[in-house]
Amino acid sequence: MKKNGNFVFYIIFGAVLLLAGCSTIISKNFGNIRPNTDVTNAFEKFQINSNLKYYISGSDTYPTSILGLNKSYTLDTDLWKKIDTTSELFSQLVTNMQTRSIQCCGESMHGFYIFDDKNNKIGVWYSLIRGSIVIQMKEDGKVVIFPPRDDVYIQYEDKRIDRKW
């Protein structure tokens, strides 16, 4: 009985090591996002950071998300639209996003820090909490960021609760 228990232990231990190794290979060169109230507050106060280049995904009027990427990085994808960071346009986009998220989903928007694969802050992101992006680091300061799906609001349509204010 003891030998079978040891055998099972070694099989499980080996499987855990294999999975840990695979997850390292799979996650190599991928960054992540983390919610942050300071980032949320900056967007809600329409603060534009001069060290960032700003992009939107989704509609030009009601974007799904706003991305601010550190100017030392190059966005290596055409899935985002670069925006002119005038205060008027920026405040209009953020306000439209906030209005849409409350009307559609009963949720507020959230700010996130974007980190590279070495845990360095490389930007900010603003969207619904359920939106998600994929960050892949490339050579020479290039980064590919896949935006959230454009239909992120559609999932709420059947679940929407009409509120009378």
Protein backbone atom coordinates (compact mmCIF):
# COMPACT_ATOMS: atom_id res chain seq x y z
CA MET A 1 0.00 0.00 0.00
CA LYS A 2 2.81 2.39 0.87
CA LYS A 3 4.43 1.97 -2.55
CA ASN A 4 1.17 2.86 -4.34
CA GLY A 5 0.82 5.99 -2.19
CA ASN A 6 4.37 7.08 -3.06
CA PHE A 7 3.76 6.37 -6.74
CA VAL A 8 0.61 8.51 -6.75
CA PHE A 9 2.48 11.26 -4.91
CA TYR A 10 5.27 11.28 -7.50
CA ILE A 11 2.80 11.29 -10.39
CA ILE A 12 0.92 14.27 -8.88
CA PHE A 13 4.19 16.04 -8.02
CA GLY A 14 5.46 15.53 -11.58
CA ALA A 15 2.20 16.80 -13.05
CA VAL A 16 2.35 19.93 -10.89
CA LEU A 17 5.93 20.63 -11.99
CA LEU A 18 4.98 20.09 -15.63
CA LEU A 19 2.02 22.44 -15.37
CA ALA A 20 4.12 25.08 -13.59
CA GLY A 21 6.72 24.87 -16.35
CA CYS A 22 4.07 25.12 -19.06
CA SER A 23 2.42 28.10 -17.43
CA THR A 24 5.78 29.89 -17.36
CA ILE A 25 6.29 29.19 -21.04
CA ILE A 26 2.73 30.22 -21.87
CA SER A 27 2.88 33.44 -19.81
CA LYS A 28 6.33 34.44 -21.08
CA ASN A 29 6.26 37.92 -22.62
CA PHE A 30 2.73 38.60 -21.44
CA GLY A 31 1.82 41.52 -19.22
CA ASN A 32 -1.21 42.04 -17.01
CA ILE A 33 -3.59 44.65 -15.68
CA ARG A 34 -4.49 45.56 -12.12
CA PRO A 35 -7.40 47.73 -10.99
CA ASN A 36 -6.32 50.97 -9.35
CA THR A 37 -8.41 53.74 -7.78
CA ASP A 38 -5.83 56.42 -8.61
CA VAL A 39 -6.13 55.55 -12.30
CA THR A 40 -9.94 55.56 -12.03
CA ASN A 41 -9.85 58.97 -10.33
CA ALA A 42 -7.50 60.39 -12.98
CA PHE A 43 -9.89 59.38 -15.76
CA GLU A 44 -12.90 60.68 -13.84
CA LYS A 45 -11.14 64.04 -13.42
CA PHE A 46 -10.23 63.99 -17.15
CA GLN A 47 -6.52 64.18 -16.36
CA ILE A 48 -4.31 63.64 -19.39
CA ASN A 49 -0.82 62.32 -18.66
CA SER A 50 1.68 63.91 -21.05
CA ASN A 51 3.91 60.81 -20.83
CA LEU A 52 1.22 58.66 -22.45
CA LYS A 53 -0.18 58.21 -25.96
CA TYR A 54 -3.94 57.60 -25.87
CA TYR A 55 -5.99 55.17 -27.93
CA ILE A 56 -9.61 54.00 -27.97
CA SER A 57 -11.32 50.77 -28.95
CA GLY A 58 -14.88 50.42 -30.16
CA SER A 59 -16.99 53.37 -31.21
CA ASP A 60 -15.47 56.80 -31.82
CA THR A 61 -18.26 58.33 -29.72
CA TYR A 62 -18.83 55.65 -27.07
CA PRO A 63 -15.55 53.72 -26.82
CA THR A 64 -15.40 50.35 -25.13
CA SER A 65 -12.10 51.36 -23.53
CA ILE A 66 -9.36 53.96 -23.44
CA LEU A 67 -5.71 52.96 -23.37
CA GLY A 68 -2.86 55.23 -22.32
CA LEU A 69 0.52 53.76 -23.31
CA ASN A 70 3.87 55.11 -22.15
CA LYS A 71 5.52 57.02 -25.01
CA SER A 72 8.65 54.88 -24.76
CA TYR A 73 6.62 51.93 -26.11
CA THR A 74 5.21 51.40 -29.60
CA LEU A 75 1.75 49.90 -29.98
CA ASP A 76 2.25 47.18 -32.59
CA THR A 77 -1.34 46.61 -33.70
CA ASP A 78 -4.01 48.45 -35.67
CA LEU A 79 -6.82 47.31 -33.35
CA TRP A 80 -6.79 50.66 -31.50
CA LYS A 81 -7.47 54.18 -32.78
CA LYS A 82 -5.02 56.86 -31.67
CA ILE A 83 -6.82 59.93 -30.35
CA ASP A 84 -5.93 63.57 -30.16
CA THR A 85 -5.62 64.27 -26.46
CA THR A 86 -7.37 67.59 -26.23
CA SER A 87 -9.11 68.07 -22.90
CA GLU A 88 -12.44 68.61 -24.59
CA LEU A 89 -12.35 65.35 -26.56
CA PHE A 90 -10.93 63.39 -23.62
CA SER A 91 -13.64 64.58 -21.20
CA GLN A 92 -16.33 63.92 -23.81
CA LEU A 93 -15.13 60.34 -24.40
CA VAL A 94 -14.88 59.54 -20.69
CA THR A 95 -18.30 61.07 -19.99
CA ASN A 96 -19.88 59.14 -22.86
CA MET A 97 -18.35 55.91 -21.60
CA GLN A 98 -19.62 56.56 -18.06
CA THR A 99 -23.13 57.39 -19.28
CA ARG A 100 -23.32 54.31 -21.48
CA SER A 101 -22.06 51.98 -18.75
CA ILE A 102 -24.60 53.25 -16.22
CA GLN A 103 -27.53 53.21 -18.68
CA CYS A 104 -26.66 49.85 -20.16
CA CYS A 105 -25.20 47.89 -17.36
CA GLY A 106 -25.74 49.70 -14.07
CA GLU A 107 -21.97 49.64 -13.56
CA SER A 108 -19.30 52.28 -13.30
CA MET A 109 -16.09 52.39 -15.28
CA HIS A 110 -12.76 51.35 -13.74
CA GLY A 111 -9.14 52.33 -14.16
CA PHE A 112 -6.25 49.87 -14.35
CA TYR A 113 -2.50 50.00 -14.49
CA ILE A 114 -0.96 48.02 -17.34
CA PHE A 115 2.21 46.06 -16.51
CA ASP A 116 4.70 44.43 -18.85
CA ASP A 117 6.07 40.91 -18.44
CA LYS A 118 8.71 42.19 -15.98
CA ASN A 119 6.12 43.93 -13.76
CA ASN A 120 6.96 47.47 -14.97
CA LYS A 121 4.07 49.95 -15.36
CA ILE A 122 3.70 50.71 -19.05
CA GLY A 123 0.33 52.41 -19.16
CA VAL A 124 -3.24 52.81 -18.00
CA TRP A 125 -6.57 51.46 -19.16
CA TYR A 126 -10.18 52.52 -18.54
CA SER A 127 -13.22 50.31 -19.14
CA LEU A 128 -15.90 48.20 -17.54
CA ILE A 129 -14.49 45.80 -14.96
CA ARG A 130 -15.63 42.88 -17.13
CA GLY A 131 -13.68 44.06 -20.15
CA SER A 132 -10.31 42.43 -20.54
CA ILE A 133 -7.23 42.97 -22.62
CA VAL A 134 -4.24 40.84 -23.52
CA ILE A 135 -0.77 42.41 -23.33
CA GLN A 136 2.06 40.78 -25.26
CA MET A 137 5.54 42.27 -25.07
CA LYS A 138 7.74 42.14 -28.16
CA GLU A 139 11.31 43.21 -28.85
CA ASP A 140 12.50 46.81 -29.17
CA GLY A 141 9.80 48.33 -26.95
CA LYS A 142 6.93 47.07 -29.06
CA VAL A 143 3.78 45.85 -27.41
CA VAL A 144 0.65 44.21 -28.78
CA ILE A 145 -2.46 44.93 -26.76
CA PHE A 146 -5.64 43.20 -27.81
CA PRO A 147 -8.66 45.34 -26.83
CA PRO A 148 -11.79 44.01 -25.19
CA ARG A 149 -14.41 42.66 -27.53
CA ASP A 150 -16.64 45.33 -29.05
CA ASP A 151 -19.72 43.46 -27.90
CA VAL A 152 -18.82 43.75 -24.20
CA TYR A 153 -22.08 45.67 -23.59
CA ILE A 154 -24.29 43.18 -25.45
CA GLN A 155 -23.95 40.62 -22.66
CA TYR A 156 -25.93 43.01 -20.44
CA GLU A 157 -28.88 43.64 -22.73
CA ASP A 158 -31.02 40.72 -21.54
CA LYS A 159 -29.99 41.25 -17.92
CA ARG A 160 -30.62 44.99 -17.79
CA ILE A 161 -32.84 46.27 -15.04
CA ASP A 162 -34.72 49.43 -15.98
CA ARG A 163 -34.39 51.88 -13.17
CA LYS A 164 -36.69 54.81 -12.60
CA TRP A 165 -34.80 57.66 -11.07
